[in-house]
Amino acid sequence: MFRIGDLVEKHTGDYRAPGEVRAVFTVWDGGPTRYVVRHKAEGGGYFCHIYSEANLRKAGLPREVEGDPQPDA
């Protein structure tokens, strides 16, 4: 299970994409959980996709988060 703010990677199918969980919801009461993930677009800006938990896995910290440089490990 993921929480809002978790860094994840969409790892199934034809493409891989890092992103951040921005919302969590169920399709109906007691139904399957879905995750809205924000991805950074190559040309600038962002886009969101909706995934099931099976499509996602936890990602490591990016080297830079919104202008906050991460020290080298």
N, C-alpha and C. Protein backbone atom coordinates (compact mmCIF):
# COMPACT_ATOMS: atom_id res chain seq x y z
N MET A 1 0.85 -1.18 0.00
CA MET A 1 0.00 0.00 0.00
C MET A 1 0.89 1.24 0.00
N PHE A 2 0.48 2.24 -0.74
CA PHE A 2 1.23 3.49 -0.84
C PHE A 2 0.44 4.62 -0.20
N ARG A 3 1.16 5.67 0.17
CA ARG A 3 0.54 6.86 0.77
C ARG A 3 0.83 8.08 -0.10
N ILE A 4 0.01 9.10 0.07
CA ILE A 4 0.24 10.36 -0.63
C ILE A 4 1.63 10.86 -0.27
N GLY A 5 2.38 11.24 -1.30
CA GLY A 5 3.75 11.72 -1.11
C GLY A 5 4.81 10.66 -1.35
N ASP A 6 4.42 9.38 -1.40
CA ASP A 6 5.40 8.33 -1.66
C ASP A 6 5.98 8.48 -3.06
N LEU A 7 7.28 8.26 -3.17
CA LEU A 7 7.94 8.22 -4.48
C LEU A 7 7.84 6.79 -4.98
N VAL A 8 7.32 6.63 -6.20
CA VAL A 8 7.07 5.32 -6.78
C VAL A 8 7.61 5.26 -8.20
N GLU A 9 7.62 4.04 -8.73
CA GLU A 9 7.94 3.84 -10.14
C GLU A 9 6.87 2.97 -10.76
N LYS A 10 6.35 3.38 -11.89
CA LYS A 10 5.45 2.53 -12.68
C LYS A 10 6.40 1.59 -13.41
N HIS A 11 6.33 0.28 -13.10
CA HIS A 11 7.35 -0.64 -13.59
C HIS A 11 6.81 -1.75 -14.49
N THR A 12 5.53 -1.76 -14.79
CA THR A 12 4.96 -2.82 -15.62
C THR A 12 4.69 -2.30 -17.03
N GLY A 13 4.49 -3.22 -17.95
CA GLY A 13 4.09 -2.84 -19.30
C GLY A 13 5.24 -2.33 -20.15
N ASP A 14 4.89 -1.50 -21.13
CA ASP A 14 5.84 -1.05 -22.15
C ASP A 14 6.77 0.06 -21.72
N TYR A 15 6.49 0.73 -20.62
CA TYR A 15 7.35 1.84 -20.21
C TYR A 15 7.50 1.87 -18.70
N ARG A 16 8.56 2.53 -18.25
CA ARG A 16 8.84 2.76 -16.83
C ARG A 16 8.75 4.26 -16.60
N ALA A 17 8.24 4.67 -15.44
CA ALA A 17 8.11 6.10 -15.17
C ALA A 17 8.14 6.37 -13.67
N PRO A 18 9.09 7.19 -13.19
CA PRO A 18 9.09 7.57 -11.79
C PRO A 18 8.02 8.62 -11.54
N GLY A 19 7.53 8.69 -10.31
CA GLY A 19 6.52 9.69 -9.99
C GLY A 19 6.26 9.76 -8.51
N GLU A 20 5.24 10.54 -8.15
CA GLU A 20 4.85 10.74 -6.75
C GLU A 20 3.36 10.49 -6.62
N VAL A 21 2.97 9.73 -5.59
CA VAL A 21 1.55 9.47 -5.33
C VAL A 21 0.92 10.77 -4.85
N ARG A 22 -0.15 11.20 -5.54
CA ARG A 22 -0.82 12.46 -5.21
C ARG A 22 -2.22 12.25 -4.65
N ALA A 23 -2.81 11.06 -4.86
CA ALA A 23 -4.13 10.75 -4.33
C ALA A 23 -4.31 9.24 -4.26
N VAL A 24 -5.14 8.80 -3.32
CA VAL A 24 -5.48 7.38 -3.16
C VAL A 24 -6.99 7.30 -3.03
N PHE A 25 -7.62 6.39 -3.77
CA PHE A 25 -9.08 6.26 -3.70
C PHE A 25 -9.50 4.85 -4.06
N THR A 26 -10.75 4.51 -3.74
CA THR A 26 -11.34 3.26 -4.19
C THR A 26 -12.39 3.58 -5.24
N VAL A 27 -12.55 2.67 -6.18
CA VAL A 27 -13.49 2.87 -7.27
C VAL A 27 -14.92 2.87 -6.73
N TRP A 28 -15.20 2.03 -5.76
CA TRP A 28 -16.48 2.01 -5.03
C TRP A 28 -16.18 1.55 -3.62
N ASP A 29 -17.12 1.73 -2.70
CA ASP A 29 -16.89 1.32 -1.31
C ASP A 29 -16.46 -0.13 -1.26
N GLY A 30 -15.29 -0.38 -0.70
CA GLY A 30 -14.78 -1.74 -0.61
C GLY A 30 -14.15 -2.25 -1.89
N GLY A 31 -14.13 -1.42 -2.92
CA GLY A 31 -13.57 -1.83 -4.21
C GLY A 31 -12.06 -1.71 -4.25
N PRO A 32 -11.47 -1.94 -5.42
CA PRO A 32 -10.03 -1.90 -5.56
C PRO A 32 -9.47 -0.49 -5.34
N THR A 33 -8.30 -0.42 -4.72
CA THR A 33 -7.64 0.85 -4.48
C THR A 33 -6.90 1.28 -5.74
N ARG A 34 -6.97 2.57 -6.03
CA ARG A 34 -6.25 3.16 -7.16
C ARG A 34 -5.39 4.31 -6.66
N TYR A 35 -4.31 4.58 -7.38
CA TYR A 35 -3.35 5.62 -7.01
C TYR A 35 -3.18 6.60 -8.16
N VAL A 36 -3.32 7.88 -7.87
CA VAL A 36 -3.05 8.92 -8.86
C VAL A 36 -1.57 9.29 -8.67
N VAL A 37 -0.80 9.13 -9.74
CA VAL A 37 0.64 9.39 -9.69
C VAL A 37 0.98 10.52 -10.64
N ARG A 38 1.71 11.52 -10.12
CA ARG A 38 2.15 12.65 -10.93
C ARG A 38 3.54 12.33 -11.48
N HIS A 39 3.67 12.48 -12.80
CA HIS A 39 4.94 12.26 -13.49
C HIS A 39 5.41 13.59 -14.08
N LYS A 40 6.71 13.77 -14.13
CA LYS A 40 7.28 14.95 -14.77
C LYS A 40 7.37 14.69 -16.27
N ALA A 41 6.84 15.61 -17.07
CA ALA A 41 6.86 15.47 -18.52
C ALA A 41 8.22 15.88 -19.09
N GLU A 42 8.66 15.19 -20.13
CA GLU A 42 9.96 15.50 -20.74
C GLU A 42 10.05 16.93 -21.23
N GLY A 43 9.00 17.46 -21.78
CA GLY A 43 9.01 18.81 -22.33
C GLY A 43 8.71 19.89 -21.31
N GLY A 44 8.60 19.52 -20.05
CA GLY A 44 8.25 20.47 -18.99
C GLY A 44 6.84 20.22 -18.50
N GLY A 45 6.58 20.60 -17.30
CA GLY A 45 5.27 20.40 -16.71
C GLY A 45 5.10 19.00 -16.16
N TYR A 46 3.85 18.65 -15.84
CA TYR A 46 3.55 17.37 -15.21
C TYR A 46 2.28 16.78 -15.82
N PHE A 47 2.10 15.48 -15.62
CA PHE A 47 0.86 14.81 -15.99
C PHE A 47 0.57 13.74 -14.93
N CYS A 48 -0.69 13.35 -14.81
CA CYS A 48 -1.09 12.35 -13.83
C CYS A 48 -1.71 11.14 -14.53
N HIS A 49 -1.41 9.96 -13.99
CA HIS A 49 -2.04 8.72 -14.43
C HIS A 49 -2.58 8.00 -13.21
N ILE A 50 -3.56 7.15 -13.43
CA ILE A 50 -4.15 6.35 -12.36
C ILE A 50 -3.69 4.91 -12.54
N TYR A 51 -3.21 4.29 -11.43
CA TYR A 51 -2.68 2.93 -11.48
C TYR A 51 -3.25 2.08 -10.35
N SER A 52 -3.21 0.77 -10.56
CA SER A 52 -3.46 -0.16 -9.46
C SER A 52 -2.13 -0.38 -8.73
N GLU A 53 -2.20 -0.95 -7.55
CA GLU A 53 -0.99 -1.18 -6.76
C GLU A 53 0.00 -2.09 -7.49
N ALA A 54 -0.52 -3.03 -8.29
CA ALA A 54 0.34 -3.99 -9.00
C ALA A 54 1.26 -3.31 -10.01
N ASN A 55 0.90 -2.12 -10.48
CA ASN A 55 1.71 -1.41 -11.47
C ASN A 55 2.84 -0.59 -10.85
N LEU A 56 2.84 -0.47 -9.52
CA LEU A 56 3.77 0.45 -8.85
C LEU A 56 4.69 -0.28 -7.89
N ARG A 57 5.87 0.32 -7.68
CA ARG A 57 6.77 -0.12 -6.61
C ARG A 57 7.44 1.11 -6.03
N LYS A 58 7.90 0.99 -4.78
CA LYS A 58 8.59 2.11 -4.13
C LYS A 58 9.82 2.47 -4.92
N ALA A 59 10.10 3.77 -5.01
CA ALA A 59 11.30 4.24 -5.71
C ALA A 59 12.24 4.85 -4.69
N GLY A 60 13.51 4.91 -5.04
CA GLY A 60 14.48 5.57 -4.19
C GLY A 60 14.34 7.08 -4.30
N LEU A 61 15.04 7.81 -3.45
CA LEU A 61 14.99 9.27 -3.49
C LEU A 61 15.66 9.78 -4.76
N PRO A 62 15.05 10.78 -5.40
CA PRO A 62 15.72 11.37 -6.57
C PRO A 62 16.94 12.16 -6.12
N ARG A 63 17.86 12.42 -7.02
CA ARG A 63 19.07 13.18 -6.68
C ARG A 63 18.73 14.62 -6.37
N GLU A 64 17.64 15.13 -6.93
CA GLU A 64 17.23 16.50 -6.65
C GLU A 64 15.71 16.55 -6.58
N VAL A 65 15.18 17.11 -5.50
CA VAL A 65 13.73 17.22 -5.32
C VAL A 65 13.37 18.70 -5.26
N GLU A 66 12.68 19.20 -6.31
CA GLU A 66 12.20 20.58 -6.34
C GLU A 66 13.25 21.58 -5.85
N GLY A 67 14.46 21.51 -6.43
CA GLY A 67 15.48 22.50 -6.12
C GLY A 67 16.26 22.23 -4.83
N ASP A 68 15.99 21.10 -4.16
CA ASP A 68 16.70 20.78 -2.93
C ASP A 68 17.71 19.68 -3.24
N PRO A 69 18.97 20.05 -3.53
CA PRO A 69 19.98 19.05 -3.94
C PRO A 69 20.21 18.01 -2.85
N GLN A 70 20.36 16.78 -3.27
CA GLN A 70 20.67 15.69 -2.36
C GLN A 70 22.18 15.49 -2.35
N PRO A 71 22.77 15.26 -1.19
CA PRO A 71 24.22 15.01 -1.16
C PRO A 71 24.56 13.72 -1.84
N ASP A 72 25.77 13.62 -2.38
CA ASP A 72 26.22 12.38 -3.00
C ASP A 72 26.35 11.30 -1.94
N ALA A 73 25.93 10.11 -2.30
CA ALA A 73 26.00 8.99 -1.34
C ALA A 73 27.34 8.30 -1.44
